[in-house]
Amino acid sequence: MKVFIVGDDGPEHDNLISVHRTYAGALKVWKIHRCELLAEAKRMLESDKKEAREMLKRGTWDDGKKLDKCNIKYFKEKATKGGEMWLRIIKNLKCRDPKKIDNYPHETPYIHEHEVKE
């Protein structure tokens, strides 16, 4: 008998979400999980932008040292676009095909097919 396992993995983890008798059932859960990961990445992107705006407003690092021109340029770009990592993760998680999605080294949702004995 075949079962379909839904989860996500990365370099240091492998989270099992659910086990299904049909691919269709697994696909439904996979889509929901992918959307949850995507929503979290979008929240983190907005948090990244907010943090960059706060750094610019303060004009200093946490230790009180002033930002230099290079830092200011970096935080201005980050405040408008967000961090490169989160942009890449969002782009990767927009893939709607469980066989093609690749978000390594971050959470990559999957469906694995396994043969089990009854």
C-alpha atoms as a PDB file:
ATOM      1  CA  MET A   1       0.000   0.000   0.000  1.00  0.00           C
ATOM      2  CA  LYS A   2       1.263   3.499  -0.819  1.00  0.00           C
ATOM      3  CA  VAL A   3       1.122   6.430   1.567  1.00  0.00           C
ATOM      4  CA  PHE A   4       1.978  10.058   0.916  1.00  0.00           C
ATOM      5  CA  ILE A   5       3.844  12.022   3.566  1.00  0.00           C
ATOM      6  CA  VAL A   6       3.613  15.803   3.760  1.00  0.00           C
ATOM      7  CA  GLY A   7       6.291  17.790   5.533  1.00  0.00           C
ATOM      8  CA  ASP A   8       9.046  20.318   5.126  1.00  0.00           C
ATOM      9  CA  ASP A   9      12.784  19.974   5.374  1.00  0.00           C
ATOM     10  CA  GLY A  10      15.972  21.982   5.478  1.00  0.00           C
ATOM     11  CA  PRO A  11      19.611  21.348   6.310  1.00  0.00           C
ATOM     12  CA  GLU A  12      18.969  20.738  10.016  1.00  0.00           C
ATOM     13  CA  HIS A  13      15.360  19.612  10.191  1.00  0.00           C
ATOM     14  CA  ASP A  14      12.658  17.438   8.673  1.00  0.00           C
ATOM     15  CA  ASN A  15       9.158  18.192   9.949  1.00  0.00           C
ATOM     16  CA  LEU A  16       6.473  15.594   9.341  1.00  0.00           C
ATOM     17  CA  ILE A  17       3.073  17.268   8.928  1.00  0.00           C
ATOM     18  CA  SER A  18       0.728  14.429   7.923  1.00  0.00           C
ATOM     19  CA  VAL A  19       0.336  11.033   6.227  1.00  0.00           C
ATOM     20  CA  HIS A  20      -2.299  10.353   3.540  1.00  0.00           C
ATOM     21  CA  ARG A  21      -3.688   7.394   1.605  1.00  0.00           C
ATOM     22  CA  THR A  22      -4.082   9.448  -1.582  1.00  0.00           C
ATOM     23  CA  TYR A  23      -1.904  11.922  -3.424  1.00  0.00           C
ATOM     24  CA  ALA A  24      -4.895  14.250  -3.735  1.00  0.00           C
ATOM     25  CA  GLY A  25      -5.299  14.384   0.047  1.00  0.00           C
ATOM     26  CA  ALA A  26      -1.599  15.007   0.515  1.00  0.00           C
ATOM     27  CA  LEU A  27      -1.603  17.714  -2.148  1.00  0.00           C
ATOM     28  CA  LYS A  28      -4.409  19.578  -0.392  1.00  0.00           C
ATOM     29  CA  VAL A  29      -2.443  19.678   2.879  1.00  0.00           C
ATOM     30  CA  TRP A  30       0.803  20.498   1.030  1.00  0.00           C
ATOM     31  CA  LYS A  31      -0.832  23.546  -0.584  1.00  0.00           C
ATOM     32  CA  ILE A  32      -2.070  24.795   2.786  1.00  0.00           C
ATOM     33  CA  HIS A  33       1.343  24.277   4.373  1.00  0.00           C
ATOM     34  CA  ARG A  34       3.127  26.020   1.483  1.00  0.00           C
ATOM     35  CA  CYS A  35       0.786  29.003   1.869  1.00  0.00           C
ATOM     36  CA  GLU A  36       1.479  29.121   5.621  1.00  0.00           C
ATOM     37  CA  LEU A  37       5.232  29.145   4.989  1.00  0.00           C
ATOM     38  CA  LEU A  38       4.758  31.840   2.343  1.00  0.00           C
ATOM     39  CA  ALA A  39       2.654  33.998   4.698  1.00  0.00           C
ATOM     40  CA  GLU A  40       5.308  33.681   7.417  1.00  0.00           C
ATOM     41  CA  ALA A  41       8.048  34.694   4.965  1.00  0.00           C
ATOM     42  CA  LYS A  42       6.011  37.744   3.937  1.00  0.00           C
ATOM     43  CA  ARG A  43       5.575  38.707   7.606  1.00  0.00           C
ATOM     44  CA  MET A  44       9.323  38.378   8.118  1.00  0.00           C
ATOM     45  CA  LEU A  45      10.004  40.528   5.043  1.00  0.00           C
ATOM     46  CA  GLU A  46       7.796  43.288   6.477  1.00  0.00           C
ATOM     47  CA  SER A  47       9.530  42.938   9.848  1.00  0.00           C
ATOM     48  CA  ASP A  48      12.890  43.284   8.082  1.00  0.00           C
ATOM     49  CA  LYS A  49      11.730  46.490   6.385  1.00  0.00           C
ATOM     50  CA  LYS A  50      10.402  47.899   9.664  1.00  0.00           C
ATOM     51  CA  GLU A  51      13.662  47.140  11.460  1.00  0.00           C
ATOM     52  CA  ALA A  52      15.644  48.898   8.711  1.00  0.00           C
ATOM     53  CA  ARG A  53      13.371  51.988   8.966  1.00  0.00           C
ATOM     54  CA  GLU A  54      13.914  52.043  12.738  1.00  0.00           C
ATOM     55  CA  MET A  55      17.696  51.855  12.269  1.00  0.00           C
ATOM     56  CA  LEU A  56      17.567  54.778   9.838  1.00  0.00           C
ATOM     57  CA  LYS A  57      15.351  56.807  12.157  1.00  0.00           C
ATOM     58  CA  ARG A  58      17.683  56.176  15.100  1.00  0.00           C
ATOM     59  CA  GLY A  59      20.800  56.722  12.974  1.00  0.00           C
ATOM     60  CA  THR A  60      22.909  54.481  15.187  1.00  0.00           C
ATOM     61  CA  TRP A  61      23.726  50.861  15.831  1.00  0.00           C
ATOM     62  CA  ASP A  62      22.496  49.231  19.037  1.00  0.00           C
ATOM     63  CA  ASP A  63      25.803  50.130  20.718  1.00  0.00           C
ATOM     64  CA  GLY A  64      25.315  53.839  19.900  1.00  0.00           C
ATOM     65  CA  LYS A  65      27.840  54.071  17.055  1.00  0.00           C
ATOM     66  CA  LYS A  66      26.611  56.224  14.178  1.00  0.00           C
ATOM     67  CA  LEU A  67      25.704  54.670  10.842  1.00  0.00           C
ATOM     68  CA  ASP A  68      28.128  55.570   8.059  1.00  0.00           C
ATOM     69  CA  LYS A  69      27.145  56.396   4.452  1.00  0.00           C
ATOM     70  CA  CYS A  70      27.473  52.757   3.369  1.00  0.00           C
ATOM     71  CA  ASN A  71      25.235  51.577   6.226  1.00  0.00           C
ATOM     72  CA  ILE A  72      22.657  54.264   5.486  1.00  0.00           C
ATOM     73  CA  LYS A  73      22.543  53.256   1.813  1.00  0.00           C
ATOM     74  CA  TYR A  74      22.128  49.588   2.811  1.00  0.00           C
ATOM     75  CA  PHE A  75      19.319  50.285   5.282  1.00  0.00           C
ATOM     76  CA  LYS A  76      17.508  52.601   2.837  1.00  0.00           C
ATOM     77  CA  GLU A  77      17.436  49.822   0.265  1.00  0.00           C
ATOM     78  CA  LYS A  78      16.394  47.260   2.869  1.00  0.00           C
ATOM     79  CA  ALA A  79      13.646  49.573   4.170  1.00  0.00           C
ATOM     80  CA  THR A  80      12.044  49.729   0.710  1.00  0.00           C
ATOM     81  CA  LYS A  81      12.730  46.266  -0.752  1.00  0.00           C
ATOM     82  CA  GLY A  82      13.414  44.113   2.285  1.00  0.00           C
ATOM     83  CA  GLY A  83      16.142  41.560   2.828  1.00  0.00           C
ATOM     84  CA  GLU A  84      17.420  39.521  -0.098  1.00  0.00           C
ATOM     85  CA  MET A  85      16.936  36.254   1.788  1.00  0.00           C
ATOM     86  CA  TRP A  86      13.215  36.870   2.415  1.00  0.00           C
ATOM     87  CA  LEU A  87      12.678  37.980  -1.194  1.00  0.00           C
ATOM     88  CA  ARG A  88      14.322  34.759  -2.407  1.00  0.00           C
ATOM     89  CA  ILE A  89      12.282  32.603  -0.007  1.00  0.00           C
ATOM     90  CA  ILE A  90       9.035  34.259  -1.125  1.00  0.00           C
ATOM     91  CA  LYS A  91       9.919  33.713  -4.780  1.00  0.00           C
ATOM     92  CA  ASN A  92      10.749  30.040  -4.117  1.00  0.00           C
ATOM     93  CA  LEU A  93       7.600  29.353  -2.088  1.00  0.00           C
ATOM     94  CA  LYS A  94       5.399  30.732  -4.860  1.00  0.00           C
ATOM     95  CA  CYS A  95       6.110  27.524  -6.816  1.00  0.00           C
ATOM     96  CA  ARG A  96       2.862  25.537  -6.866  1.00  0.00           C
ATOM     97  CA  ASP A  97       4.386  22.209  -7.932  1.00  0.00           C
ATOM     98  CA  PRO A  98       5.561  19.933  -5.090  1.00  0.00           C
ATOM     99  CA  LYS A  99       7.870  18.121  -7.509  1.00  0.00           C
ATOM    100  CA  LYS A 100       9.635  21.334  -8.629  1.00  0.00           C
ATOM    101  CA  ILE A 101       9.700  23.506  -5.510  1.00  0.00           C
ATOM    102  CA  ASP A 102      13.180  24.197  -4.128  1.00  0.00           C
ATOM    103  CA  ASN A 103      13.673  26.531  -1.179  1.00  0.00           C
ATOM    104  CA  TYR A 104      16.917  25.027   0.106  1.00  0.00           C
ATOM    105  CA  PRO A 105      18.435  25.751   2.584  1.00  0.00           C
ATOM    106  CA  HIS A 106      15.171  26.994   4.084  1.00  0.00           C
ATOM    107  CA  GLU A 107      11.900  25.172   4.739  1.00  0.00           C
ATOM    108  CA  THR A 108      10.944  23.315   1.578  1.00  0.00           C
ATOM    109  CA  PRO A 109       7.501  21.689   1.686  1.00  0.00           C
ATOM    110  CA  TYR A 110       7.365  18.209   0.192  1.00  0.00           C
ATOM    111  CA  ILE A 111       5.219  15.196  -0.587  1.00  0.00           C
ATOM    112  CA  HIS A 112       7.078  11.887  -0.326  1.00  0.00           C
ATOM    113  CA  GLU A 113       5.583   8.629  -1.527  1.00  0.00           C
ATOM    114  CA  HIS A 114       6.318   5.492   0.500  1.00  0.00           C
ATOM    115  CA  GLU A 115       5.347   1.852   0.225  1.00  0.00           C
ATOM    116  CA  VAL A 116       4.133   0.333   3.508  1.00  0.00           C
ATOM    117  CA  LYS A 117       2.966  -3.125   4.522  1.00  0.00           C
ATOM    118  CA  GLU A 118      -0.583  -3.506   5.740  1.00  0.00           C
END
